[in-house]
Protein backbone atom coordinates (compact mmCIF):
# COMPACT_ATOMS: atom_id res chain seq x y z
CA UNK A 1 105.00 97.72 80.82
CA UNK A 2 105.63 101.53 81.75
CA UNK A 3 108.73 101.63 84.20
CA UNK A 4 107.70 101.49 88.10
CA UNK A 5 108.27 104.38 89.84
CA UNK A 6 109.64 104.30 93.63
CA UNK A 7 109.41 106.25 96.54
CA UNK A 8 112.24 105.58 99.35
CA UNK A 9 111.35 106.77 102.72
CA UNK A 10 114.11 106.34 105.23
CA UNK A 11 115.57 108.25 108.66
CA UNK A 12 119.36 108.59 106.63
CA UNK A 13 122.38 106.99 106.55
CA UNK A 14 124.53 105.57 103.71
CA UNK A 15 122.44 102.66 103.17
CA UNK A 16 119.16 104.31 101.50
CA UNK A 17 121.69 106.45 99.65
CA UNK A 18 123.20 103.15 97.98
CA UNK A 19 119.86 101.81 97.09
CA UNK A 20 118.71 104.95 95.51
CA UNK A 21 121.58 105.40 93.53
CA UNK A 22 121.27 102.00 92.35
CA UNK A 23 117.85 102.18 91.49
CA UNK A 24 118.62 105.02 89.54
CA UNK A 25 120.94 103.18 87.80
CA UNK A 26 118.88 100.67 86.66
CA UNK A 27 116.44 103.17 85.34
CA UNK A 28 114.14 103.53 87.90
CA UNK A 29 112.25 106.84 88.39
CA UNK A 30 112.84 107.32 92.16
CA UNK A 31 112.17 109.77 95.03
CA UNK A 32 113.88 109.76 98.35
CA UNK A 33 112.73 111.25 101.38
CA UNK A 34 114.64 111.31 104.53
CA UNK A 35 112.13 112.11 107.52
CA UNK A 36 113.30 114.51 110.35
CA UNK A 37 114.04 113.19 113.90
CA UNK A 38 110.48 114.26 114.27
CA UNK A 39 109.51 111.06 112.59
CA UNK A 40 110.11 109.07 116.00
CA UNK A 41 107.82 111.72 118.19
CA UNK A 42 104.96 111.73 115.47
CA UNK A 43 103.42 108.36 116.40
CA UNK A 44 100.37 109.96 117.63
CA UNK A 45 99.62 111.49 114.10
CA UNK A 46 102.06 109.44 111.35
CA UNK A 47 100.94 111.87 108.67
CA UNK A 48 102.68 114.60 110.33
CA UNK A 49 106.02 112.76 109.79
CA UNK A 50 105.57 111.76 106.03
CA UNK A 51 106.16 113.22 103.06
CA UNK A 52 102.50 114.48 101.53
CA UNK A 53 103.48 112.73 98.13
CA UNK A 54 103.32 109.37 99.90
CA UNK A 55 101.89 106.75 97.38
CA UNK A 56 102.60 108.66 94.19
CA UNK A 57 104.64 106.00 93.26
CA UNK A 58 104.02 102.29 92.32
CA UNK A 59 106.49 100.92 95.18
CA UNK A 60 107.29 102.11 98.40
CA UNK A 61 110.50 101.35 100.29
CA UNK A 62 110.37 101.85 103.80
CA UNK A 63 113.83 101.71 105.31
CA UNK A 64 114.77 101.67 109.31
CA UNK A 65 111.65 103.57 109.93
CA UNK A 66 109.95 103.36 113.70
CA UNK A 67 107.24 100.72 114.02
CA UNK A 68 104.85 102.85 114.44
CA UNK A 69 105.62 104.72 111.15
CA UNK A 70 105.73 101.25 109.26
CA UNK A 71 102.40 100.12 110.42
CA UNK A 72 100.75 103.16 109.59
CA UNK A 73 101.63 102.88 105.82
CA UNK A 74 99.57 100.16 104.60
CA UNK A 75 96.02 102.49 105.30
CA UNK A 76 97.73 105.65 104.26
CA UNK A 77 98.62 103.86 100.99
CA UNK A 78 95.32 102.12 100.14
CA UNK A 79 94.35 104.80 98.07
CA UNK A 80 96.98 105.75 96.49
CA UNK A 81 98.99 104.95 93.43
CA UNK A 82 101.23 102.57 95.48
CA UNK A 83 100.74 98.82 94.84
CA UNK A 84 103.68 97.40 96.86
CA UNK A 85 105.43 97.93 100.04
CA UNK A 86 109.00 96.51 100.77
CA UNK A 87 110.15 96.81 104.03
CA UNK A 88 114.03 95.68 103.82
CA UNK A 89 115.67 94.26 106.90
CA UNK A 90 119.61 94.90 107.22
CA UNK A 91 119.60 95.02 110.98
CA UNK A 92 117.16 93.27 113.44
CA UNK A 93 116.38 96.25 115.21
CA UNK A 94 114.41 97.65 111.86
CA UNK A 95 111.72 94.97 112.51
CA UNK A 96 111.23 93.46 115.41
CA UNK A 97 109.54 89.77 115.78
CA UNK A 98 105.85 89.70 115.21
CA UNK A 99 105.84 93.04 113.22
CA UNK A 100 106.41 91.16 109.78
CA UNK A 101 103.19 89.07 110.43
CA UNK A 102 101.27 92.26 111.33
CA UNK A 103 102.61 94.30 108.36
CA UNK A 104 101.62 91.38 105.68
CA UNK A 105 97.70 91.71 107.51
CA UNK A 106 97.68 95.31 107.21
CA UNK A 107 99.02 95.18 103.60
CA UNK A 108 96.44 92.07 102.60
CA UNK A 109 93.78 94.60 103.87
CA UNK A 110 94.95 97.25 102.27
CA UNK A 111 95.26 95.79 98.99
CA UNK A 112 98.97 95.89 98.78
CA UNK A 113 101.65 93.81 97.97
CA UNK A 114 104.20 93.55 100.67
CA UNK A 115 107.50 92.01 101.26
CA UNK A 116 109.91 91.84 104.47
CA UNK A 117 113.06 90.53 102.84
CA UNK A 118 115.92 89.52 105.28
CA UNK A 119 118.62 90.96 104.14
CA UNK A 120 117.23 93.13 100.91
CA UNK A 121 119.60 90.72 98.64
CA UNK A 122 116.90 88.19 99.62
CA UNK A 123 113.91 89.98 97.71
CA UNK A 124 111.76 87.47 95.84
CA UNK A 125 108.85 88.16 93.45
CA UNK A 126 105.91 87.49 95.56
CA UNK A 127 103.44 89.07 93.73
CA UNK A 128 102.72 90.84 90.53
CA UNK A 129 103.78 93.79 91.09
CA UNK A 130 107.04 93.01 93.20
CA UNK A 131 107.98 90.42 90.46
CA UNK A 132 108.09 93.03 87.86
CA UNK A 133 109.88 95.20 90.02
CA UNK A 134 112.60 92.97 90.22
CA UNK A 135 112.65 92.00 86.59
CA UNK A 136 112.64 95.54 85.29
CA UNK A 137 115.39 96.75 87.63
CA UNK A 138 117.32 93.33 87.67
CA UNK A 139 116.84 92.68 91.68
CA UNK A 140 116.41 90.06 93.72
CA UNK A 141 118.55 86.78 95.09
CA UNK A 142 122.25 87.45 93.08
CA UNK A 143 122.35 85.74 89.62
CA UNK A 144 125.67 86.23 87.72
CA UNK A 145 126.56 84.99 84.43
CA UNK A 146 130.40 84.55 83.55
CA UNK A 147 131.90 83.89 80.35
CA UNK A 148 135.34 81.90 80.34
CA UNK A 149 138.23 81.52 78.01
CA UNK A 150 141.56 79.14 79.27
CA UNK A 151 140.15 78.93 82.89
CA UNK A 152 139.90 82.71 83.32
CA UNK A 153 136.97 85.06 83.45
CA UNK A 154 136.82 87.47 80.41
CA UNK A 155 133.16 88.62 81.23
CA UNK A 156 130.94 88.60 84.19
CA UNK A 157 127.22 90.01 84.19
CA UNK A 158 124.88 90.67 87.07
CA UNK A 159 121.50 89.18 85.78
CA UNK A 160 119.95 89.81 89.33
CA UNK A 161 121.26 91.47 92.43
CA UNK A 162 121.06 93.46 95.56
CA UNK A 163 119.22 96.57 95.57
CA UNK A 164 122.24 98.38 97.36
CA UNK A 165 124.23 97.55 94.10
CA UNK A 166 126.73 95.17 95.94
CA UNK A 167 126.27 92.20 93.49
CA UNK A 168 126.74 94.27 90.29
CA UNK A 169 129.87 95.71 91.86
CA UNK A 170 131.04 92.45 92.31
CA UNK A 171 130.54 91.39 88.67
CA UNK A 172 132.24 94.30 87.53
CA UNK A 173 135.54 93.09 89.30
CA UNK A 174 135.43 89.49 88.55
CA UNK A 175 137.15 89.39 85.05
CA UNK A 176 140.24 88.46 84.76
CA UNK A 177 139.79 85.72 87.72
CA UNK A 178 140.89 82.31 87.43
CA UNK A 179 137.41 80.58 87.23
CA UNK A 180 138.64 78.04 90.16
CA UNK A 181 138.96 81.53 92.27
CA UNK A 182 135.79 83.17 91.51
CA UNK A 183 133.95 82.00 94.58
CA UNK A 184 136.42 83.18 97.32
CA UNK A 185 137.14 86.31 95.20
CA UNK A 186 133.38 86.92 95.21
CA UNK A 187 133.44 86.67 99.14
CA UNK A 188 136.49 89.32 99.39
CA UNK A 189 134.64 91.75 97.33
CA UNK A 190 131.29 91.11 99.30
CA UNK A 191 133.43 92.69 102.40
CA UNK A 192 135.58 94.96 100.40
CA UNK A 193 132.91 97.40 99.48
CA UNK A 194 131.39 96.44 101.92
CA UNK A 195 128.23 94.83 102.69
CA UNK A 196 125.97 97.00 104.84
CA UNK A 197 124.27 93.93 106.78
CA UNK A 198 124.56 94.15 110.54
CA UNK A 199 126.41 91.25 112.42
CA UNK A 200 123.76 91.21 115.12
CA UNK A 201 122.36 88.20 115.68
CA UNK A 202 118.81 87.21 114.23
CA UNK A 203 117.66 85.10 116.79
CA UNK A 204 114.73 83.50 114.66
CA UNK A 205 117.49 83.15 111.55
CA UNK A 206 120.50 81.78 114.37
CA UNK A 207 122.83 83.67 112.17
CA UNK A 208 123.64 87.49 111.33
CA UNK A 209 122.33 88.91 108.31
CA UNK A 210 125.83 89.70 107.22
CA UNK A 211 126.91 85.84 107.08
CA UNK A 212 123.13 85.44 105.46
CA UNK A 213 124.08 87.93 102.72
CA UNK A 214 127.66 86.75 102.24
CA UNK A 215 125.84 83.08 101.84
CA UNK A 216 123.77 84.19 99.39
CA UNK A 217 126.74 85.53 97.40
CA UNK A 218 128.64 82.75 97.62
CA UNK A 219 125.96 80.66 96.29
CA UNK A 220 125.37 82.87 93.36
CA UNK A 221 128.99 82.54 92.58
CA UNK A 222 129.27 78.93 92.91
CA UNK A 223 126.44 78.58 90.71
CA UNK A 224 127.61 81.05 88.41
CA UNK A 225 131.01 78.80 88.27
CA UNK A 226 129.08 75.57 87.80
CA UNK A 227 127.25 77.14 84.57
CA UNK A 228 130.27 78.55 82.92
CA UNK A 229 132.12 75.35 83.24
CA UNK A 230 129.01 73.69 81.62
CA UNK A 231 129.80 75.66 78.60
CA UNK A 232 127.12 78.47 79.06
CA UNK A 233 127.81 82.01 77.92
CA UNK A 234 126.64 85.74 78.28
CA UNK A 235 123.65 86.30 75.90
CA UNK A 236 123.30 90.01 74.98
CA UNK A 237 119.89 91.45 75.89
CA UNK A 238 117.56 91.45 73.14
């Protein structure tokens, strides 16, 4: 399969830069557009705020856009190359209650796959295109593989990880860690880069997205430790 191309739409900040950089590091053809402040004033005419090249990629990622622009995207993408729309939520303010359901309906009408992962490291392949996107660029709910000798991690690899690159960053720093300290080490590293998820409470989750992200990382590290202790090893990619 040809590499899936990606467009990122955002309104600035460090987080979209991390996503763009990590996707490029994984070999994705990426074009990023920082929308101007006019984006918040153009809801009566969304196309005025959006790039004319919108939809010239297989996957469109909309990060922290105004709700009026997010809901304008599916019909505008309907007759383009775009086949999937991802709207990650790293802060409750990015997607308010009810918007996700509305967006899913709009995407279905437009013939688009859609995912609204909360947070982005919870991304799961819910359709053919999104599954391929995750597989090609090793993205989604984190999975780590460890190689251990004499109770110490000698190699670590991120099989699948956060689109911001945090999981890969953590994996690079796990070698030389005693196997019984891997989970705690991963949790410390999660805060050290740090994770960009919000500490604002998500009422429907009953927790913060930062804590959700930390728990996802903890579970990935714990699973990797169990597999390593069971004798699994890192296998080279074909």
